[in-house]
Amino acid sequence: MSSEARAPASPDAHALHSDSHEEAHNDIVYPAAIPFVLVHVAALGVFWTGFTATSIIMCITLYVVRMWALTAGFHRYFSHRSYKTSRWFQFVLAFLGQTSAQKGVLWWTAIHRHHHRHSDTPLDAHSPKHTGFWFSHMGWIFSPQKNTADYSTVEDFSKYPELRFLDRHPYFPAVLLGVACYLLAGWSGLFVGFILSTVILYHGVFAINSLAHVVGKKRYLTADDSRNNWWLAIITLGEGWHNNHHHYQSSTRQGFFWWEIDISYYVLKVMSWFGLVWDLREPPPQVVHGEARLGRKVIERVAEDLVASYPLDTITARVREAWSHKPSLDELRDQARKKQDEVAAYMQELDLPHVPTMDELREEIRSRISERYQNSPSLDEIAERARELILVRLSEGLLGEAEPSAI
């Protein structure tokens, strides 16, 4: 067995791209969608060619094999490096994945890594929360401000010339596969075996970007809307355990429990017995059981979401009413301009009746998540951070009302 894939670093021909974060729906270049639409129209050719036993077997086989190449290859290997393999098999994974006609391996990896850094924030390329269901499902693909990849995030793979070649010619493997299907089974092989399976594959993969952030259950407290969905896991060979994945992204196995079917992982496990892949990562027991402390990023974003649910304008008005026997706002404004955190600390000491107390916040958090998540040892940290944010924003709201300045 050859050693793990390595190659000396070399300059990448790709220019580095910066992400643009303007409104997603205002920049769709609809002509870019024409080839995508034509593929869907071409799938109607199955009514002209008819279905043969061979073409149906080809359709099912190509769907499963290419879905596996995307989930086990593009996703779990290239995007998350959750296991290791040789350089030659790395190329096989990339080539097989690109027979799906979902652009190049480096592009796909860069886009997905960006998604995880900004999942379900306005910077996410495909978030149902911010851009709507259909845009997150497929509209973002045609938006130059959403589908531009930052290749500086994939330098670990862009150093390989064979991967750069595939990325520069993203549809070459798919064209070869289409020709092979025609040669093997004629027009039915092309339209049923290749084109129809490609269209079904598109929407199976796209459903993880859209449905897996809308439909299903949240076992773990994450900084996004990822959900677990058993039937999505079936049609995507394990990707439907999406909340599991966002909870611990570096795990090769996404079905954390024995009853969570994860076909992509099963295949990789068998391959590891023969030395094709190795060092498959497993989620630690404390992660699986929700006993690990949450990262700072998750705590911050969950606290932000909690704060957003409070009517801070109303609370500010009530605090102002309750402040009649306290130092004047003008005095505090002068102090705040010198050092605003002193004001927030002062408000903390006041423990005003209309500002949620630490115990109230803690109970509020627990009541909101107890029905949807496992318990987390970081609940107190979230409550503390949420209270800090509320106090700071209340102080900003109060002290921001400076006297009108002369114009």
Protein backbone atom coordinates (compact mmCIF):
# COMPACT_ATOMS: atom_id res chain seq x y z
CA MET A 1 0.00 0.00 0.00
CA SER A 2 1.37 3.42 -0.90
CA SER A 3 1.88 6.01 1.75
CA GLU A 4 -0.54 8.79 2.53
CA ALA A 5 -0.95 11.25 -0.34
CA ARG A 6 1.83 13.82 -0.32
CA ALA A 7 3.32 16.18 -2.85
CA PRO A 8 5.66 19.13 -2.64
CA ALA A 9 3.87 22.42 -2.46
CA SER A 10 3.62 24.21 -5.76
CA PRO A 11 2.03 27.51 -6.81
CA ASP A 12 -1.65 27.21 -7.59
CA ALA A 13 -2.84 28.56 -10.88
CA HIS A 14 -6.11 29.67 -9.34
CA ALA A 15 -6.49 33.29 -8.40
CA LEU A 16 -7.61 33.90 -4.87
CA HIS A 17 -11.17 35.09 -4.58
CA SER A 18 -12.74 37.23 -1.91
CA ASP A 19 -16.26 36.50 -0.80
CA SER A 20 -18.91 39.08 -1.48
CA HIS A 21 -21.82 39.26 0.92
CA GLU A 22 -24.43 41.38 -0.82
CA GLU A 23 -28.05 40.34 -0.98
CA ALA A 24 -28.20 36.92 -2.61
CA HIS A 25 -31.32 37.35 -4.68
CA ASN A 26 -30.14 40.49 -6.44
CA ASP A 27 -27.21 39.00 -8.29
CA ILE A 28 -28.46 35.77 -9.90
CA VAL A 29 -27.06 35.52 -13.40
CA TYR A 30 -29.87 33.59 -14.99
CA PRO A 31 -27.99 32.69 -18.23
CA ALA A 32 -25.67 30.61 -16.06
CA ALA A 33 -28.69 28.45 -15.19
CA ILE A 34 -29.37 27.51 -18.81
CA PRO A 35 -27.15 24.36 -18.90
CA PHE A 36 -28.66 23.26 -15.58
CA VAL A 37 -32.19 23.71 -16.94
CA LEU A 38 -31.29 21.91 -20.17
CA VAL A 39 -30.09 18.87 -18.22
CA HIS A 40 -33.47 18.72 -16.49
CA VAL A 41 -35.27 19.08 -19.82
CA ALA A 42 -33.06 16.38 -21.32
CA ALA A 43 -34.16 14.01 -18.55
CA LEU A 44 -37.60 14.04 -20.19
CA GLY A 45 -35.96 12.12 -23.01
CA VAL A 46 -36.59 8.97 -20.99
CA PHE A 47 -40.15 9.03 -22.35
CA TRP A 48 -38.70 8.85 -25.85
CA THR A 49 -36.09 6.16 -25.17
CA GLY A 50 -38.17 4.12 -22.75
CA PHE A 51 -36.85 2.14 -19.79
CA THR A 52 -34.90 -1.06 -20.13
CA ALA A 53 -33.71 -3.33 -17.35
CA THR A 54 -30.12 -2.38 -18.16
CA SER A 55 -30.80 1.37 -18.10
CA ILE A 56 -32.70 1.13 -14.79
CA ILE A 57 -29.83 -0.80 -13.19
CA MET A 58 -27.40 1.78 -14.57
CA CYS A 59 -29.52 4.64 -13.19
CA ILE A 60 -29.67 3.19 -9.67
CA THR A 61 -26.02 2.13 -9.67
CA LEU A 62 -24.72 5.47 -10.90
CA TYR A 63 -26.85 7.34 -8.36
CA VAL A 64 -25.50 5.28 -5.46
CA VAL A 65 -21.86 5.21 -6.60
CA ARG A 66 -21.73 8.93 -7.33
CA MET A 67 -23.62 9.85 -4.16
CA TRP A 68 -21.01 7.85 -2.26
CA ALA A 69 -18.18 9.61 -4.12
CA LEU A 70 -19.63 12.98 -3.09
CA THR A 71 -20.44 12.09 0.52
CA ALA A 72 -17.40 9.95 1.31
CA GLY A 73 -15.03 11.73 -1.07
CA PHE A 74 -15.88 15.39 -1.64
CA HIS A 75 -17.46 15.85 1.78
CA ARG A 76 -15.84 13.65 4.39
CA TYR A 77 -12.39 13.42 2.83
CA PHE A 78 -11.70 16.60 0.88
CA SER A 79 -13.82 19.06 2.87
CA HIS A 80 -13.23 17.70 6.39
CA ARG A 81 -10.21 15.38 6.09
CA SER A 82 -11.93 12.94 8.43
CA TYR A 83 -9.77 10.03 7.21
CA LYS A 84 -6.60 9.43 5.20
CA THR A 85 -5.87 7.72 1.92
CA SER A 86 -3.19 7.39 -0.74
CA ARG A 87 -2.57 9.90 -3.48
CA TRP A 88 -3.83 7.59 -6.23
CA PHE A 89 -7.07 6.81 -4.40
CA GLN A 90 -7.47 10.50 -3.61
CA PHE A 91 -7.51 11.07 -7.38
CA VAL A 92 -10.07 8.28 -7.83
CA LEU A 93 -12.36 9.93 -5.27
CA ALA A 94 -12.03 13.28 -7.02
CA PHE A 95 -12.64 11.82 -10.50
CA LEU A 96 -15.67 9.81 -9.38
CA GLY A 97 -17.11 12.83 -7.59
CA GLN A 98 -16.79 14.98 -10.70
CA THR A 99 -18.76 12.48 -12.78
CA SER A 100 -21.73 13.95 -10.88
CA ALA A 101 -21.35 17.22 -12.85
CA GLN A 102 -21.29 19.29 -9.66
CA LYS A 103 -18.24 21.35 -10.64
CA GLY A 104 -14.65 20.74 -9.55
CA VAL A 105 -13.35 19.07 -6.43
CA LEU A 106 -11.40 22.13 -5.23
CA TRP A 107 -14.35 24.45 -5.86
CA TRP A 108 -16.73 22.09 -4.04
CA THR A 109 -14.35 21.77 -1.08
CA ALA A 110 -13.74 25.52 -0.77
CA ILE A 111 -17.47 26.30 -0.90
CA HIS A 112 -18.25 23.70 1.74
CA ARG A 113 -15.52 24.86 4.11
CA HIS A 114 -16.88 28.40 3.77
CA HIS A 115 -20.36 27.05 4.60
CA HIS A 116 -19.15 25.56 7.86
CA ARG A 117 -17.35 28.73 8.91
CA HIS A 118 -20.52 30.77 8.39
CA SER A 119 -23.32 28.23 8.65
CA ASP A 120 -26.76 29.87 8.74
CA THR A 121 -25.37 33.39 8.99
CA PRO A 122 -25.81 36.05 6.28
CA LEU A 123 -22.37 35.05 4.96
CA ASP A 124 -23.46 31.46 4.28
CA ALA A 125 -23.71 30.70 0.54
CA HIS A 126 -26.84 28.58 1.03
CA SER A 127 -28.86 29.21 4.17
CA PRO A 128 -32.66 28.77 4.13
CA LYS A 129 -32.76 31.07 7.15
CA HIS A 130 -31.37 34.05 5.24
CA THR A 131 -31.94 33.38 1.53
CA GLY A 132 -35.05 31.21 1.45
CA PHE A 133 -35.60 27.55 0.71
CA TRP A 134 -35.25 27.44 -3.08
CA PHE A 135 -32.27 29.76 -3.22
CA SER A 136 -30.48 27.61 -0.66
CA HIS A 137 -31.51 24.48 -2.56
CA MET A 138 -30.13 25.51 -5.94
CA GLY A 139 -30.41 29.25 -6.70
CA TRP A 140 -27.09 30.10 -5.06
CA ILE A 141 -25.24 27.99 -7.65
CA PHE A 142 -25.95 30.62 -10.31
CA SER A 143 -25.08 33.61 -8.13
CA PRO A 144 -21.51 34.85 -8.77
CA GLN A 145 -21.51 36.46 -5.34
CA LYS A 146 -22.36 33.18 -3.65
CA ASN A 147 -20.66 30.52 -5.78
CA THR A 148 -17.21 32.11 -6.01
CA ALA A 149 -14.75 29.87 -4.18
CA ASP A 150 -11.87 31.12 -2.06
CA TYR A 151 -9.11 28.76 -3.18
CA SER A 152 -6.80 29.97 -0.41
CA THR A 153 -8.81 27.72 1.93
CA VAL A 154 -7.93 24.54 0.01
CA GLU A 155 -4.17 24.88 -0.33
CA ASP A 156 -3.81 21.46 1.30
CA PHE A 157 -5.24 19.94 -1.90
CA SER A 158 -4.56 22.57 -4.55
CA LYS A 159 -0.86 21.66 -4.37
CA TYR A 160 -1.65 18.49 -6.34
CA PRO A 161 -1.46 19.15 -10.13
CA GLU A 162 -3.86 16.30 -10.94
CA LEU A 163 -6.54 17.84 -8.71
CA ARG A 164 -5.96 21.25 -10.23
CA PHE A 165 -6.39 19.68 -13.67
CA LEU A 166 -9.72 18.16 -12.68
CA ASP A 167 -10.89 21.42 -11.15
CA ARG A 168 -10.00 23.34 -14.33
CA HIS A 169 -11.99 20.81 -16.37
CA PRO A 170 -14.91 20.13 -14.01
CA TYR A 171 -17.22 18.40 -16.50
CA PHE A 172 -14.65 16.23 -18.26
CA PRO A 173 -15.29 13.14 -16.06
CA ALA A 174 -19.08 13.55 -16.44
CA VAL A 175 -18.82 13.74 -20.24
CA LEU A 176 -16.69 10.59 -20.29
CA LEU A 177 -19.28 8.79 -18.16
CA GLY A 178 -22.12 9.94 -20.42
CA VAL A 179 -20.32 8.65 -23.51
CA ALA A 180 -19.64 5.33 -21.77
CA CYS A 181 -23.32 4.97 -20.86
CA TYR A 182 -24.32 5.53 -24.49
CA LEU A 183 -21.77 3.02 -25.77
CA LEU A 184 -22.88 0.42 -23.25
CA ALA A 185 -26.67 0.76 -23.49
CA GLY A 186 -27.52 3.15 -26.34
CA TRP A 187 -29.90 6.09 -25.98
CA SER A 188 -31.66 4.54 -23.01
CA GLY A 189 -28.32 4.15 -21.26
CA LEU A 190 -27.56 7.83 -21.89
CA PHE A 191 -30.94 9.31 -20.93
CA VAL A 192 -32.02 6.92 -18.17
CA GLY A 193 -28.68 5.63 -16.93
CA PHE A 194 -26.75 8.89 -17.01
CA ILE A 195 -28.94 11.99 -17.37
CA LEU A 196 -31.88 10.91 -15.19
CA SER A 197 -29.59 9.64 -12.44
CA THR A 198 -27.63 12.91 -12.61
CA VAL A 199 -30.77 15.01 -12.09
CA ILE A 200 -31.91 12.85 -9.17
CA LEU A 201 -28.41 13.05 -7.73
CA TYR A 202 -28.45 16.85 -7.97
CA HIS A 203 -31.50 17.18 -5.78
CA GLY A 204 -30.45 14.47 -3.37
CA VAL A 205 -27.27 16.41 -2.61
CA PHE A 206 -28.97 19.81 -2.68
CA ALA A 207 -31.51 18.62 -0.11
CA ILE A 208 -28.77 18.64 2.54
CA ASN A 209 -28.25 22.38 1.97
CA SER A 210 -31.96 23.11 2.16
CA LEU A 211 -34.13 20.45 3.81
CA ALA A 212 -31.50 19.38 6.36
CA HIS A 213 -31.58 22.93 7.76
CA VAL A 214 -35.39 23.07 7.88
CA VAL A 215 -36.90 19.60 8.45
CA GLY A 216 -35.87 17.18 11.19
CA LYS A 217 -34.77 17.13 14.81
CA LYS A 218 -31.93 18.88 16.61
CA ARG A 219 -30.21 16.59 19.07
CA TYR A 220 -27.27 18.90 19.75
CA LEU A 221 -26.95 22.58 20.48
CA THR A 222 -25.11 24.01 17.46
CA ALA A 223 -24.58 27.50 16.09
CA ASP A 224 -26.92 26.85 13.15
CA ASP A 225 -30.20 25.22 12.15
CA SER A 226 -28.78 21.82 11.12
CA ARG A 227 -31.15 18.90 11.74
CA ASN A 228 -31.12 15.12 11.76
CA ASN A 229 -33.47 13.48 9.28
CA TRP A 230 -33.57 9.69 8.90
CA TRP A 231 -35.09 9.58 5.41
CA LEU A 232 -32.59 12.12 4.12
CA ALA A 233 -29.90 9.89 5.61
CA ILE A 234 -31.24 6.97 3.54
CA ILE A 235 -31.27 8.77 0.18
CA THR A 236 -27.90 10.46 0.80
CA LEU A 237 -26.12 7.43 2.28
CA GLY A 238 -25.76 8.99 5.73
CA GLU A 239 -25.61 12.75 5.18
CA GLY A 240 -29.04 13.24 6.72
CA TRP A 241 -27.54 13.03 10.21
CA HIS A 242 -26.71 16.65 9.64
CA ASN A 243 -27.02 17.96 13.19
CA ASN A 244 -24.61 15.23 14.29
CA HIS A 245 -22.20 16.38 11.60
CA HIS A 246 -22.36 20.06 12.53
CA HIS A 247 -21.91 19.12 16.17
CA TYR A 248 -18.63 17.29 15.40
CA GLN A 249 -17.51 17.93 11.84
CA SER A 250 -14.29 15.92 11.80
CA SER A 251 -15.96 12.55 12.37
CA THR A 252 -15.94 10.11 9.46
CA ARG A 253 -19.06 8.53 10.93
CA GLN A 254 -22.10 10.81 10.88
CA GLY A 255 -24.60 8.33 12.24
CA PHE A 256 -23.47 8.46 15.86
CA PHE A 257 -25.68 5.63 17.14
CA TRP A 258 -26.07 2.09 15.83
CA TRP A 259 -29.60 2.74 14.59
CA GLU A 260 -28.50 5.77 12.55
CA ILE A 261 -27.85 4.25 9.13
CA ASP A 262 -24.71 5.65 7.49
CA ILE A 263 -23.93 3.70 4.33
CA SER A 264 -21.04 5.94 3.28
CA TYR A 265 -19.30 5.18 6.56
CA TYR A 266 -19.95 1.45 6.27
CA VAL A 267 -18.28 1.35 2.86
CA LEU A 268 -15.30 3.34 4.14
CA LYS A 269 -15.01 1.00 7.11
CA VAL A 270 -14.81 -2.03 4.80
CA MET A 271 -12.27 -0.23 2.62
CA SER A 272 -10.14 0.38 5.72
CA TRP A 273 -9.88 -3.39 6.20
CA PHE A 274 -8.13 -3.59 2.83
CA GLY A 275 -5.88 -0.58 3.38
CA LEU A 276 -7.54 1.70 0.83
CA VAL A 277 -8.30 4.24 3.56
CA TRP A 278 -7.18 4.55 7.15
CA ASP A 279 -7.33 6.63 10.34
CA LEU A 280 -11.11 6.98 10.21
CA ARG A 281 -12.07 9.48 12.90
CA GLU A 282 -14.72 8.65 15.48
CA PRO A 283 -16.67 11.08 17.66
CA PRO A 284 -15.50 10.88 21.32
CA PRO A 285 -18.10 9.45 23.77
CA GLN A 286 -18.49 12.80 25.53
CA VAL A 287 -19.33 14.42 22.19
CA VAL A 288 -21.88 11.73 21.30
CA HIS A 289 -23.62 12.07 24.66
CA GLY A 290 -23.58 15.87 24.60
CA GLU A 291 -21.24 16.10 27.58
CA ALA A 292 -18.48 18.11 25.89
CA ARG A 293 -18.34 21.82 26.50
CA LEU A 294 -19.32 23.96 23.55
CA GLY A 295 -16.83 26.10 21.68
CA ARG A 296 -16.72 29.87 22.07
CA LYS A 297 -18.20 30.39 18.62
CA VAL A 298 -21.27 28.28 19.41
CA ILE A 299 -21.79 29.92 22.80
CA GLU A 300 -21.57 33.38 21.25
CA ARG A 301 -24.03 32.67 18.45
CA VAL A 302 -26.57 30.90 20.66
CA ALA A 303 -26.38 33.78 23.12
CA GLU A 304 -26.87 36.25 20.26
CA ASP A 305 -29.97 34.37 19.11
CA LEU A 306 -31.34 34.42 22.63
CA VAL A 307 -30.73 38.14 23.03
CA ALA A 308 -32.46 38.81 19.71
CA SER A 309 -35.63 37.27 21.15
CA TYR A 310 -35.83 39.82 23.96
CA PRO A 311 -37.75 43.11 23.41
CA LEU A 312 -34.78 45.30 24.31
CA ASP A 313 -36.55 48.52 23.25
CA THR A 314 -39.34 47.84 25.73
CA ILE A 315 -36.87 46.87 28.44
CA THR A 316 -34.88 50.05 27.79
CA ALA A 317 -37.99 52.17 28.28
CA ARG A 318 -38.79 50.40 31.53
CA VAL A 319 -35.22 50.78 32.77
CA ARG A 320 -35.43 54.51 32.06
CA GLU A 321 -38.60 54.72 34.16
CA ALA A 322 -36.99 52.76 36.99
CA TRP A 323 -33.96 55.01 36.91
CA SER A 324 -35.62 58.10 38.32
CA HIS A 325 -33.89 57.65 41.69
CA LYS A 326 -30.50 56.85 40.16
CA PRO A 327 -27.79 59.16 38.76
CA SER A 328 -28.97 61.15 35.76
CA LEU A 329 -28.58 59.76 32.29
CA ASP A 330 -26.62 62.85 31.28
CA GLU A 331 -24.03 62.09 33.92
CA LEU A 332 -23.80 58.51 32.78
CA ARG A 333 -23.54 59.56 29.16
CA ASP A 334 -20.48 61.61 30.04
CA GLN A 335 -19.00 58.67 31.88
CA ALA A 336 -19.83 56.28 29.05
CA ARG A 337 -18.07 58.36 26.47
CA LYS A 338 -14.95 57.87 28.55
CA LYS A 339 -15.38 54.21 29.32
CA GLN A 340 -18.58 52.43 28.30
CA ASP A 341 -17.81 49.14 30.01
CA GLU A 342 -17.99 50.91 33.38
CA VAL A 343 -21.61 51.75 32.63
CA ALA A 344 -22.40 48.14 31.75
CA ALA A 345 -20.76 47.08 35.02
CA TYR A 346 -22.78 49.69 36.89
CA MET A 347 -26.00 48.38 35.37
CA GLN A 348 -24.96 44.88 36.36
CA GLU A 349 -24.73 46.02 39.97
CA LEU A 350 -28.13 47.70 39.81
CA ASP A 351 -29.85 44.38 39.09
CA LEU A 352 -32.83 46.33 37.75
CA PRO A 353 -36.11 44.42 38.05
CA HIS A 354 -36.89 44.58 34.34
CA VAL A 355 -33.55 43.12 33.26
CA PRO A 356 -33.68 39.31 33.32
CA THR A 357 -31.61 37.94 36.18
CA MET A 358 -29.03 35.22 35.70
CA ASP A 359 -31.39 32.62 37.14
CA GLU A 360 -34.23 33.78 34.88
CA LEU A 361 -32.02 33.61 31.79
CA ARG A 362 -30.77 30.17 32.75
CA GLU A 363 -34.29 28.87 33.17
CA GLU A 364 -35.38 30.53 29.93
CA ILE A 365 -32.58 28.83 28.02
CA ARG A 366 -33.30 25.47 29.60
CA SER A 367 -37.01 25.69 28.83
CA ARG A 368 -36.33 26.62 25.20
CA ILE A 369 -33.87 23.86 24.43
CA SER A 370 -34.93 21.01 26.72
CA GLU A 371 -37.51 19.76 24.22
CA ARG A 372 -35.17 19.85 21.22
CA TYR A 373 -31.61 19.25 22.44
CA GLN A 374 -29.61 17.10 24.74
CA ASN A 375 -28.52 18.87 27.89
CA SER A 376 -25.25 20.76 27.58
CA PRO A 377 -22.67 21.60 30.25
CA SER A 378 -22.31 25.02 28.59
CA LEU A 379 -25.82 26.31 29.40
CA ASP A 380 -24.56 28.51 32.22
CA GLU A 381 -21.90 30.00 29.93
CA ILE A 382 -24.58 30.78 27.34
CA ALA A 383 -26.80 32.38 29.99
CA GLU A 384 -23.91 34.44 31.34
CA ARG A 385 -22.92 35.63 27.86
CA ALA A 386 -26.53 36.42 26.94
CA ARG A 387 -26.95 38.50 30.09
CA GLU A 388 -23.71 40.37 29.34
CA LEU A 389 -24.95 41.16 25.83
CA ILE A 390 -28.33 42.34 27.11
CA LEU A 391 -26.72 44.66 29.65
CA VAL A 392 -24.29 46.08 27.11
CA ARG A 393 -27.03 46.69 24.56
CA LEU A 394 -29.30 48.22 27.14
CA SER A 395 -26.52 50.59 28.12
CA GLU A 396 -25.90 51.40 24.46
CA GLY A 397 -29.61 52.06 23.97
CA LEU A 398 -29.79 54.34 26.97
CA LEU A 399 -26.53 56.17 26.42
CA GLY A 400 -26.91 56.44 22.68
CA GLU A 401 -29.71 58.97 23.07
CA ALA A 402 -27.38 61.91 23.27
CA GLU A 403 -28.68 65.45 23.13
CA PRO A 404 -29.37 66.73 19.59
CA SER A 405 -26.27 68.39 18.23
CA ALA A 406 -26.26 71.66 16.42
CA ILE A 407 -26.27 71.33 12.63
